[in-house]
Amino acid sequence: MEKTAVGLVYECLRCGAKVSTEELELRGGEIKCTVCGYRVLKKIRPPVVKRVKAK
C-alpha cells in the first residue's frame, strides 16, 4: 500500500533545510528534519504547471 515517489523533497519550516524521502526512510520513516529535528515539513511542489482544459 505504501508508494514512495522518486525525487520527492520536503522543506523544514523552521530552518529551511531540504530533506528527501530517501533520508527519511533511512532514519526509520520518522517525519523529522535531519538538521534541527523539527517535525513540521512541507512538500516542495514541482515547478511544472499542469493545465486542464475546461469543458
N, C-alpha and C. Protein backbone atom coordinates (compact mmCIF):
# COMPACT_ATOMS: atom_id res chain seq x y z
N MET A 1 0.82 -1.19 0.00
CA MET A 1 0.00 0.00 0.00
C MET A 1 0.86 1.26 0.00
N GLU A 2 2.08 1.18 0.55
CA GLU A 2 2.94 2.36 0.57
C GLU A 2 3.56 2.58 -0.79
N LYS A 3 3.47 3.82 -1.28
CA LYS A 3 4.11 4.18 -2.54
C LYS A 3 5.04 5.34 -2.27
N THR A 4 6.29 5.20 -2.66
CA THR A 4 7.24 6.29 -2.48
C THR A 4 7.59 6.85 -3.84
N ALA A 5 7.40 8.14 -4.00
CA ALA A 5 7.74 8.80 -5.25
C ALA A 5 9.23 9.09 -5.29
N VAL A 6 9.82 8.88 -6.42
CA VAL A 6 11.25 9.12 -6.57
C VAL A 6 11.47 10.62 -6.72
N GLY A 7 12.43 11.15 -5.97
CA GLY A 7 12.75 12.56 -6.09
C GLY A 7 11.87 13.49 -5.29
N LEU A 8 11.06 12.98 -4.39
CA LEU A 8 10.19 13.81 -3.57
C LEU A 8 11.03 14.49 -2.50
N VAL A 9 10.86 15.81 -2.36
CA VAL A 9 11.67 16.58 -1.42
C VAL A 9 10.76 17.38 -0.50
N TYR A 10 11.11 17.40 0.78
CA TYR A 10 10.39 18.18 1.77
C TYR A 10 11.28 19.30 2.28
N GLU A 11 10.66 20.39 2.78
CA GLU A 11 11.40 21.52 3.32
C GLU A 11 10.98 21.73 4.77
N CYS A 12 11.96 21.89 5.64
CA CYS A 12 11.69 22.16 7.05
C CYS A 12 11.19 23.59 7.18
N LEU A 13 10.12 23.80 7.96
CA LEU A 13 9.57 25.14 8.12
C LEU A 13 10.37 25.98 9.11
N ARG A 14 11.16 25.37 9.97
CA ARG A 14 11.95 26.12 10.95
C ARG A 14 13.28 26.59 10.36
N CYS A 15 14.07 25.66 9.80
CA CYS A 15 15.42 26.02 9.35
C CYS A 15 15.55 26.11 7.83
N GLY A 16 14.56 25.62 7.08
CA GLY A 16 14.60 25.71 5.62
C GLY A 16 15.43 24.63 4.94
N ALA A 17 15.88 23.62 5.69
CA ALA A 17 16.68 22.54 5.11
C ALA A 17 15.81 21.67 4.22
N LYS A 18 16.39 21.16 3.15
CA LYS A 18 15.68 20.27 2.23
C LYS A 18 15.99 18.82 2.60
N VAL A 19 14.93 18.01 2.76
CA VAL A 19 15.06 16.62 3.18
C VAL A 19 14.36 15.74 2.15
N SER A 20 15.05 14.73 1.64
CA SER A 20 14.46 13.83 0.65
C SER A 20 13.77 12.65 1.36
N THR A 21 12.92 11.97 0.62
CA THR A 21 12.23 10.81 1.20
C THR A 21 13.21 9.69 1.51
N GLU A 22 14.29 9.59 0.72
CA GLU A 22 15.29 8.56 0.98
C GLU A 22 15.94 8.78 2.35
N GLU A 23 16.22 10.04 2.70
CA GLU A 23 16.80 10.35 4.00
C GLU A 23 15.83 10.02 5.13
N LEU A 24 14.54 10.29 4.91
CA LEU A 24 13.54 10.00 5.94
C LEU A 24 13.41 8.49 6.15
N GLU A 25 13.46 7.72 5.06
CA GLU A 25 13.35 6.27 5.18
C GLU A 25 14.57 5.67 5.87
N LEU A 26 15.75 6.26 5.64
CA LEU A 26 16.96 5.77 6.30
C LEU A 26 16.91 6.01 7.80
N ARG A 27 16.18 7.02 8.24
CA ARG A 27 16.07 7.32 9.66
C ARG A 27 14.90 6.58 10.32
N GLY A 28 14.37 5.58 9.66
CA GLY A 28 13.30 4.78 10.25
C GLY A 28 11.91 5.25 9.87
N GLY A 29 11.79 6.11 8.87
CA GLY A 29 10.48 6.58 8.43
C GLY A 29 9.90 7.68 9.29
N GLU A 30 10.68 8.20 10.22
CA GLU A 30 10.21 9.25 11.11
C GLU A 30 10.21 10.59 10.38
N ILE A 31 9.09 11.32 10.44
CA ILE A 31 8.99 12.62 9.78
C ILE A 31 9.62 13.65 10.71
N LYS A 32 10.88 13.96 10.42
CA LYS A 32 11.62 14.90 11.25
C LYS A 32 12.76 15.48 10.43
N CYS A 33 13.04 16.77 10.62
CA CYS A 33 14.15 17.42 9.91
C CYS A 33 15.46 16.78 10.36
N THR A 34 16.34 16.52 9.39
CA THR A 34 17.62 15.88 9.71
C THR A 34 18.62 16.87 10.30
N VAL A 35 18.35 18.17 10.18
CA VAL A 35 19.27 19.19 10.68
C VAL A 35 18.89 19.64 12.09
N CYS A 36 17.63 20.11 12.25
CA CYS A 36 17.23 20.69 13.54
C CYS A 36 16.28 19.81 14.35
N GLY A 37 15.69 18.78 13.74
CA GLY A 37 14.80 17.88 14.47
C GLY A 37 13.36 18.35 14.53
N TYR A 38 13.02 19.44 13.84
CA TYR A 38 11.65 19.96 13.82
C TYR A 38 10.76 18.97 13.08
N ARG A 39 9.52 18.79 13.54
CA ARG A 39 8.65 17.76 12.99
C ARG A 39 7.63 18.28 11.98
N VAL A 40 7.77 19.54 11.54
CA VAL A 40 6.84 20.09 10.56
C VAL A 40 7.59 20.31 9.25
N LEU A 41 7.22 19.53 8.24
CA LEU A 41 7.84 19.62 6.92
C LEU A 41 6.76 19.89 5.89
N LYS A 42 7.11 20.65 4.84
CA LYS A 42 6.15 20.83 3.75
C LYS A 42 6.73 20.25 2.48
N LYS A 43 5.85 19.71 1.65
CA LYS A 43 6.27 19.10 0.40
C LYS A 43 6.51 20.20 -0.62
N ILE A 44 7.67 20.15 -1.26
CA ILE A 44 8.00 21.14 -2.29
C ILE A 44 7.36 20.70 -3.59
N ARG A 45 6.58 21.60 -4.18
CA ARG A 45 5.89 21.27 -5.43
C ARG A 45 6.83 21.44 -6.61
N PRO A 46 6.65 20.61 -7.63
CA PRO A 46 7.49 20.76 -8.82
C PRO A 46 7.14 22.05 -9.56
N PRO A 47 8.10 22.63 -10.29
CA PRO A 47 7.84 23.89 -10.98
C PRO A 47 6.97 23.75 -12.23
N VAL A 48 6.59 22.54 -12.59
CA VAL A 48 5.79 22.31 -13.79
C VAL A 48 4.34 22.69 -13.50
N VAL A 49 3.77 23.50 -14.40
CA VAL A 49 2.38 23.91 -14.26
C VAL A 49 1.50 22.94 -15.04
N LYS A 50 0.49 22.41 -14.37
CA LYS A 50 -0.43 21.48 -15.02
C LYS A 50 -1.65 22.26 -15.50
N ARG A 51 -1.93 22.19 -16.79
CA ARG A 51 -3.08 22.90 -17.35
C ARG A 51 -4.16 21.89 -17.71
N VAL A 52 -5.38 22.22 -17.32
CA VAL A 52 -6.53 21.36 -17.58
C VAL A 52 -7.53 22.15 -18.41
N LYS A 53 -8.01 21.55 -19.50
CA LYS A 53 -8.99 22.22 -20.35
C LYS A 53 -10.36 22.21 -19.70
N ALA A 54 -11.03 23.34 -19.74
CA ALA A 54 -12.40 23.42 -19.22
C ALA A 54 -13.36 22.94 -20.31
N LYS A 55 -14.41 22.26 -19.89
CA LYS A 55 -15.40 21.76 -20.86
C LYS A 55 -16.60 22.65 -20.89
